[in-house]
PDB file of N, CA and C in Angstrom:
ATOM      1  N   UNK A   1     -28.154  95.659 118.799  1.00  0.00           N
ATOM      2  CA  UNK A   1     -29.572  95.683 118.219  1.00  0.00           C
ATOM      3  C   UNK A   1     -29.290  94.749 117.164  1.00  0.00           C
ATOM      4  N   UNK A   2     -27.846  94.551 116.285  1.00  0.00           N
ATOM      5  CA  UNK A   2     -28.234  93.508 115.773  1.00  0.00           C
ATOM      6  C   UNK A   2     -27.504  93.862 113.693  1.00  0.00           C
ATOM      7  N   UNK A   3     -27.991  92.648 113.259  1.00  0.00           N
ATOM      8  CA  UNK A   3     -28.347  93.668 111.928  1.00  0.00           C
ATOM      9  C   UNK A   3     -29.725  94.402 111.737  1.00  0.00           C
ATOM     10  N   UNK A   4     -29.789  95.281 110.985  1.00  0.00           N
ATOM     11  CA  UNK A   4     -31.163  96.476 110.789  1.00  0.00           C
ATOM     12  C   UNK A   4     -31.084  96.163 109.167  1.00  0.00           C
ATOM     13  N   UNK A   5     -32.299  95.793 108.222  1.00  0.00           N
ATOM     14  CA  UNK A   5     -32.221  96.322 107.204  1.00  0.00           C
ATOM     15  C   UNK A   5     -33.288  97.365 106.838  1.00  0.00           C
ATOM     16  N   UNK A   6     -32.561  98.047 105.802  1.00  0.00           N
ATOM     17  CA  UNK A   6     -33.141  99.448 105.921  1.00  0.00           C
ATOM     18  C   UNK A   6     -33.197  99.304 104.434  1.00  0.00           C
ATOM     19  N   UNK A   7     -34.678 100.196 103.790  1.00  0.00           N
ATOM     20  CA  UNK A   7     -35.220 101.021 102.166  1.00  0.00           C
ATOM     21  C   UNK A   7     -34.414 101.813 102.009  1.00  0.00           C
ATOM     22  N   UNK A   8     -33.224 101.674 101.037  1.00  0.00           N
ATOM     23  CA  UNK A   8     -33.133 103.001 100.900  1.00  0.00           C
ATOM     24  C   UNK A   8     -33.180 103.511  98.859  1.00  0.00           C
ATOM     25  N   UNK A   9     -33.965 104.805  99.140  1.00  0.00           N
ATOM     26  CA  UNK A   9     -34.447 105.238  98.244  1.00  0.00           C
ATOM     27  C   UNK A   9     -34.358 106.441  97.683  1.00  0.00           C
ATOM     28  N   UNK A  10     -35.409 107.200  96.743  1.00  0.00           N
ATOM     29  CA  UNK A  10     -34.424 108.103  96.493  1.00  0.00           C
ATOM     30  C   UNK A  10     -35.075 109.807  97.144  1.00  0.00           C
ATOM     31  N   UNK A  11     -35.806 109.291  98.160  1.00  0.00           N
ATOM     32  CA  UNK A  11     -35.825 110.339  99.424  1.00  0.00           C
ATOM     33  C   UNK A  11     -34.597 110.029 100.487  1.00  0.00           C
ATOM     34  N   UNK A  12     -33.887 109.000 100.547  1.00  0.00           N
ATOM     35  CA  UNK A  12     -32.564 108.858 101.521  1.00  0.00           C
ATOM     36  C   UNK A  12     -31.698 109.809 101.014  1.00  0.00           C
ATOM     37  N   UNK A  13     -31.895 110.645 102.255  1.00  0.00           N
ATOM     38  CA  UNK A  13     -30.521 111.892 102.021  1.00  0.00           C
ATOM     39  C   UNK A  13     -28.945 111.535 102.865  1.00  0.00           C
ATOM     40  N   UNK A  14     -29.225 110.559 103.551  1.00  0.00           N
ATOM     41  CA  UNK A  14     -27.754 110.019 104.586  1.00  0.00           C
ATOM     42  C   UNK A  14     -28.010 109.181 105.266  1.00  0.00           C
ATOM     43  N   UNK A  15     -26.796 108.036 105.234  1.00  0.00           N
ATOM     44  CA  UNK A  15     -26.624 106.975 106.314  1.00  0.00           C
ATOM     45  C   UNK A  15     -25.969 107.233 107.354  1.00  0.00           C
ATOM     46  N   UNK A  16     -25.822 106.957 108.906  1.00  0.00           N
ATOM     47  CA  UNK A  16     -24.647 107.275 109.949  1.00  0.00           C
ATOM     48  C   UNK A  16     -24.965 106.023 110.264  1.00  0.00           C
ATOM     49  N   UNK A  17     -23.520 105.739 110.851  1.00  0.00           N
ATOM     50  CA  UNK A  17     -22.892 104.163 110.794  1.00  0.00           C
ATOM     51  C   UNK A  17     -21.875 105.457 112.137  1.00  0.00           C
ATOM     52  N   UNK A  18     -22.383 104.132 112.971  1.00  0.00           N
ATOM     53  CA  UNK A  18     -21.947 105.482 114.295  1.00  0.00           C
ATOM     54  C   UNK A  18     -21.590 104.128 115.952  1.00  0.00           C
ATOM     55  N   UNK A  19     -20.862 104.506 116.367  1.00  0.00           N
ATOM     56  CA  UNK A  19     -20.568 103.697 117.997  1.00  0.00           C
ATOM     57  C   UNK A  19     -21.715 104.181 118.585  1.00  0.00           C
ATOM     58  N   UNK A  20     -21.734 103.131 119.930  1.00  0.00           N
ATOM     59  CA  UNK A  20     -22.837 103.507 121.192  1.00  0.00           C
ATOM     60  C   UNK A  20     -22.670 104.587 121.717  1.00  0.00           C
ATOM     61  N   UNK A  21     -21.102 105.019 121.907  1.00  0.00           N
ATOM     62  CA  UNK A  21     -21.345 106.384 122.113  1.00  0.00           C
ATOM     63  C   UNK A  21     -21.926 107.188 122.037  1.00  0.00           C
ATOM     64  N   UNK A  22     -21.571 107.409 120.285  1.00  0.00           N
ATOM     65  CA  UNK A  22     -22.847 108.501 120.018  1.00  0.00           C
ATOM     66  C   UNK A  22     -24.159 108.246 120.298  1.00  0.00           C
ATOM     67  N   UNK A  23     -24.689 107.474 120.582  1.00  0.00           N
ATOM     68  CA  UNK A  23     -26.118 106.626 120.699  1.00  0.00           C
ATOM     69  C   UNK A  23     -26.766 107.192 122.153  1.00  0.00           C
ATOM     70  N   UNK A  24     -25.764 107.286 122.420  1.00  0.00           N
ATOM     71  CA  UNK A  24     -25.951 106.833 124.086  1.00  0.00           C
ATOM     72  C   UNK A  24     -26.097 108.365 124.810  1.00  0.00           C
ATOM     73  N   UNK A  25     -25.546 109.070 123.678  1.00  0.00           N
ATOM     74  CA  UNK A  25     -25.629 110.790 124.218  1.00  0.00           C
ATOM     75  C   UNK A  25     -26.377 111.559 123.690  1.00  0.00           C
ATOM     76  N   UNK A  26     -27.318 110.789 122.393  1.00  0.00           N
ATOM     77  CA  UNK A  26     -28.025 111.869 120.947  1.00  0.00           C
ATOM     78  C   UNK A  26     -29.217 110.498 120.715  1.00  0.00           C
ATOM     79  N   UNK A  27     -29.575 111.181 120.233  1.00  0.00           N
ATOM     80  CA  UNK A  27     -30.917 110.885 120.033  1.00  0.00           C
ATOM     81  C   UNK A  27     -30.978 111.091 118.484  1.00  0.00           C
ATOM     82  N   UNK A  28     -32.037 109.892 118.219  1.00  0.00           N
ATOM     83  CA  UNK A  28     -32.057 109.853 116.222  1.00  0.00           C
ATOM     84  C   UNK A  28     -32.534 111.124 115.591  1.00  0.00           C
ATOM     85  N   UNK A  29     -33.418 111.926 116.182  1.00  0.00           N
ATOM     86  CA  UNK A  29     -33.680 113.276 115.826  1.00  0.00           C
ATOM     87  C   UNK A  29     -32.442 114.397 116.453  1.00  0.00           C
ATOM     88  N   UNK A  30     -31.838 113.944 117.193  1.00  0.00           N
ATOM     89  CA  UNK A  30     -30.912 114.968 117.119  1.00  0.00           C
ATOM     90  C   UNK A  30     -29.825 114.946 116.380  1.00  0.00           C
ATOM     91  N   UNK A  31     -29.750 113.916 116.324  1.00  0.00           N
ATOM     92  CA  UNK A  31     -28.257 113.498 114.639  1.00  0.00           C
ATOM     93  C   UNK A  31     -28.868 114.317 113.461  1.00  0.00           C
ATOM     94  N   UNK A  32     -30.106 113.923 113.071  1.00  0.00           N
ATOM     95  CA  UNK A  32     -30.110 114.476 112.055  1.00  0.00           C
ATOM     96  C   UNK A  32     -30.569 116.122 111.893  1.00  0.00           C
ATOM     97  N   UNK A  33     -30.872 116.269 113.169  1.00  0.00           N
ATOM     98  CA  UNK A  33     -31.505 117.668 113.086  1.00  0.00           C
ATOM     99  C   UNK A  33     -29.837 118.353 112.867  1.00  0.00           C
ATOM    100  N   UNK A  34     -28.615 117.961 113.279  1.00  0.00           N
ATOM    101  CA  UNK A  34     -27.768 118.494 113.478  1.00  0.00           C
ATOM    102  C   UNK A  34     -27.211 118.298 112.122  1.00  0.00           C
ATOM    103  N   UNK A  35     -27.021 117.268 111.612  1.00  0.00           N
ATOM    104  CA  UNK A  35     -26.424 116.708 110.316  1.00  0.00           C
ATOM    105  C   UNK A  35     -27.084 117.222 108.938  1.00  0.00           C
ATOM    106  N   UNK A  36     -28.489 117.557 109.064  1.00  0.00           N
ATOM    107  CA  UNK A  36     -29.131 117.522 107.608  1.00  0.00           C
ATOM    108  C   UNK A  36     -28.682 118.773 106.756  1.00  0.00           C
ATOM    109  N   UNK A  37     -28.294 119.849 107.614  1.00  0.00           N
ATOM    110  CA  UNK A  37     -27.949 121.052 106.575  1.00  0.00           C
ATOM    111  C   UNK A  37     -25.976 120.936 106.198  1.00  0.00           C
ATOM    112  N   UNK A  38     -25.632 119.747 106.548  1.00  0.00           N
ATOM    113  CA  UNK A  38     -24.453 119.593 106.403  1.00  0.00           C
ATOM    114  C   UNK A  38     -24.031 118.375 105.266  1.00  0.00           C
ATOM    115  N   UNK A  39     -23.154 119.600 104.136  1.00  0.00           N
ATOM    116  CA  UNK A  39     -23.189 118.025 102.389  1.00  0.00           C
ATOM    117  C   UNK A  39     -22.231 117.455 102.341  1.00  0.00           C
ATOM    118  N   UNK A  40     -20.797 117.913 103.839  1.00  0.00           N
ATOM    119  CA  UNK A  40     -20.224 117.420 103.578  1.00  0.00           C
ATOM    120  C   UNK A  40     -19.763 116.082 104.279  1.00  0.00           C
ATOM    121  N   UNK A  41     -19.572 114.759 103.854  1.00  0.00           N
ATOM    122  CA  UNK A  41     -19.861 113.826 105.148  1.00  0.00           C
ATOM    123  C   UNK A  41     -18.702 113.811 106.037  1.00  0.00           C
ATOM    124  N   UNK A  42     -17.414 114.079 105.278  1.00  0.00           N
ATOM    125  CA  UNK A  42     -16.428 114.069 106.591  1.00  0.00           C
ATOM    126  C   UNK A  42     -16.278 115.293 107.437  1.00  0.00           C
ATOM    127  N   UNK A  43     -16.927 116.744 107.751  1.00  0.00           N
ATOM    128  CA  UNK A  43     -17.633 117.584 108.206  1.00  0.00           C
ATOM    129  C   UNK A  43     -18.414 116.944 109.075  1.00  0.00           C
ATOM    130  N   UNK A  44     -19.567 116.317 108.310  1.00  0.00           N
ATOM    131  CA  UNK A  44     -20.660 115.719 109.258  1.00  0.00           C
ATOM    132  C   UNK A  44     -20.308 114.713 110.172  1.00  0.00           C
ATOM    133  N   UNK A  45     -19.201 113.621 110.062  1.00  0.00           N
ATOM    134  CA  UNK A  45     -18.669 112.849 110.900  1.00  0.00           C
ATOM    135  C   UNK A  45     -17.985 113.336 112.318  1.00  0.00           C
ATOM    136  N   UNK A  46     -17.050 114.552 111.495  1.00  0.00           N
ATOM    137  CA  UNK A  46     -16.446 115.458 112.900  1.00  0.00           C
ATOM    138  C   UNK A  46     -17.166 116.316 113.723  1.00  0.00           C
ATOM    139  N   UNK A  47     -18.231 116.492 113.187  1.00  0.00           N
ATOM    140  CA  UNK A  47     -19.394 117.510 113.828  1.00  0.00           C
ATOM    141  C   UNK A  47     -19.755 116.458 114.918  1.00  0.00           C
ATOM    142  N   UNK A  48     -20.068 115.592 114.534  1.00  0.00           N
ATOM    143  CA  UNK A  48     -21.224 114.574 115.026  1.00  0.00           C
ATOM    144  C   UNK A  48     -20.435 113.774 116.346  1.00  0.00           C
ATOM    145  N   UNK A  49     -19.229 113.515 116.260  1.00  0.00           N
ATOM    146  CA  UNK A  49     -18.383 113.143 116.840  1.00  0.00           C
ATOM    147  C   UNK A  49     -17.979 114.292 118.277  1.00  0.00           C
ATOM    148  N   UNK A  50     -17.863 115.255 117.706  1.00  0.00           N
ATOM    149  CA  UNK A  50     -17.385 116.863 118.663  1.00  0.00           C
ATOM    150  C   UNK A  50     -18.386 116.621 119.278  1.00  0.00           C
ATOM    151  N   UNK A  51     -19.761 116.364 118.940  1.00  0.00           N
ATOM    152  CA  UNK A  51     -20.801 117.138 119.476  1.00  0.00           C
ATOM    153  C   UNK A  51     -21.135 116.032 120.774  1.00  0.00           C
ATOM    154  N   UNK A  52     -20.840 114.736 120.459  1.00  0.00           N
ATOM    155  CA  UNK A  52     -21.026 113.621 121.497  1.00  0.00           C
ATOM    156  C   UNK A  52     -19.705 113.548 122.661  1.00  0.00           C
ATOM    157  N   UNK A  53     -19.250 114.007 122.337  1.00  0.00           N
ATOM    158  CA  UNK A  53     -17.895 114.318 123.210  1.00  0.00           C
ATOM    159  C   UNK A  53     -17.937 116.103 123.839  1.00  0.00           C
ATOM    160  N   UNK A  54     -18.314 117.004 123.100  1.00  0.00           N
ATOM    161  CA  UNK A  54     -18.821 117.722 123.898  1.00  0.00           C
ATOM    162  C   UNK A  54     -20.357 117.363 125.157  1.00  0.00           C
ATOM    163  N   UNK A  55     -21.278 116.344 124.930  1.00  0.00           N
ATOM    164  CA  UNK A  55     -22.220 115.792 125.863  1.00  0.00           C
ATOM    165  C   UNK A  55     -21.549 114.749 127.120  1.00  0.00           C
ATOM    166  N   UNK A  56     -20.058 114.968 126.471  1.00  0.00           N
ATOM    167  CA  UNK A  56     -19.595 113.987 127.935  1.00  0.00           C
ATOM    168  C   UNK A  56     -19.441 112.580 127.953  1.00  0.00           C
ATOM    169  N   UNK A  57     -19.118 112.005 126.422  1.00  0.00           N
ATOM    170  CA  UNK A  57     -18.853 110.956 126.291  1.00  0.00           C
ATOM    171  C   UNK A  57     -17.418 110.806 125.519  1.00  0.00           C
ATOM    172  N   UNK A  58     -16.179 109.854 126.233  1.00  0.00           N
ATOM    173  CA  UNK A  58     -15.580 109.566 125.955  1.00  0.00           C
ATOM    174  C   UNK A  58     -15.116 109.537 124.431  1.00  0.00           C
ATOM    175  N   UNK A  59     -13.563 110.117 123.516  1.00  0.00           N
ATOM    176  CA  UNK A  59     -13.814 110.270 122.256  1.00  0.00           C
ATOM    177  C   UNK A  59     -12.952 108.914 122.496  1.00  0.00           C
ATOM    178  N   UNK A  60     -12.338 108.217 123.366  1.00  0.00           N
ATOM    179  CA  UNK A  60     -12.192 107.012 123.041  1.00  0.00           C
ATOM    180  C   UNK A  60     -13.065 105.823 122.299  1.00  0.00           C
ATOM    181  N   UNK A  61     -14.084 106.244 122.440  1.00  0.00           N
ATOM    182  CA  UNK A  61     -15.002 105.703 122.278  1.00  0.00           C
ATOM    183  C   UNK A  61     -16.914 106.007 121.457  1.00  0.00           C
ATOM    184  N   UNK A  62     -15.907 106.910 120.555  1.00  0.00           N
ATOM    185  CA  UNK A  62     -16.871 107.635 119.812  1.00  0.00           C
ATOM    186  C   UNK A  62     -15.846 107.588 117.995  1.00  0.00           C
ATOM    187  N   UNK A  63     -17.429 106.717 117.307  1.00  0.00           N
ATOM    188  CA  UNK A  63     -16.524 106.431 116.067  1.00  0.00           C
ATOM    189  C   UNK A  63     -17.808 106.806 114.946  1.00  0.00           C
ATOM    190  N   UNK A  64     -17.756 107.293 113.700  1.00  0.00           N
ATOM    191  CA  UNK A  64     -19.017 107.164 113.074  1.00  0.00           C
ATOM    192  C   UNK A  64     -18.155 107.516 111.653  1.00  0.00           C
ATOM    193  N   UNK A  65     -19.484 106.833 110.602  1.00  0.00           N
ATOM    194  CA  UNK A  65     -19.174 106.885 109.284  1.00  0.00           C
ATOM    195  C   UNK A  65     -20.693 107.611 108.738  1.00  0.00           C
ATOM    196  N   UNK A  66     -20.313 109.169 108.246  1.00  0.00           N
ATOM    197  CA  UNK A  66     -21.454 109.474 107.177  1.00  0.00           C
ATOM    198  C   UNK A  66     -21.595 109.564 105.852  1.00  0.00           C
ATOM    199  N   UNK A  67     -22.787 109.330 105.054  1.00  0.00           N
ATOM    200  CA  UNK A  67     -22.642 108.680 103.681  1.00  0.00           C
ATOM    201  C   UNK A  67     -23.488 108.938 103.457  1.00  0.00           C
ATOM    202  N   UNK A  68     -23.297 110.395 102.136  1.00  0.00           N
ATOM    203  CA  UNK A  68     -24.262 111.206 101.841  1.00  0.00           C
ATOM    204  C   UNK A  68     -25.069 110.536 100.263  1.00  0.00           C
ATOM    205  N   UNK A  69     -26.581 110.535 100.335  1.00  0.00           N
ATOM    206  CA  UNK A  69     -26.590 110.291  98.838  1.00  0.00           C
ATOM    207  C   UNK A  69     -27.102 111.470  98.441  1.00  0.00           C
ATOM    208  N   UNK A  70     -26.690 111.223  96.586  1.00  0.00           N
ATOM    209  CA  UNK A  70     -27.289 112.730  96.509  1.00  0.00           C
ATOM    210  C   UNK A  70     -28.794 112.517  95.407  1.00  0.00           C
TER     211      UNK A  70
END
C-alpha cells in the first residue's frame, strides 16, 4: 500500500498500525467494531492480535500499535 496521509482532527478516536497478518484476516469495520469501546491502547493491541490469531493467522506475523486520541 505504501505511504498514506490522513487528516487527524477532533473527531479522530484512534489510529491502528498493523501488519498484513491482521488486515488479511479482518476488515477495517470489523477492527473498528472490536476496538471502539476499549479505551486502553495496550489492551486494544492485544485484543486485536489475539482475534487475528483466533481467525487463523500465525502470531509470528502479527503485530500492531494502537494510538488513542483524547
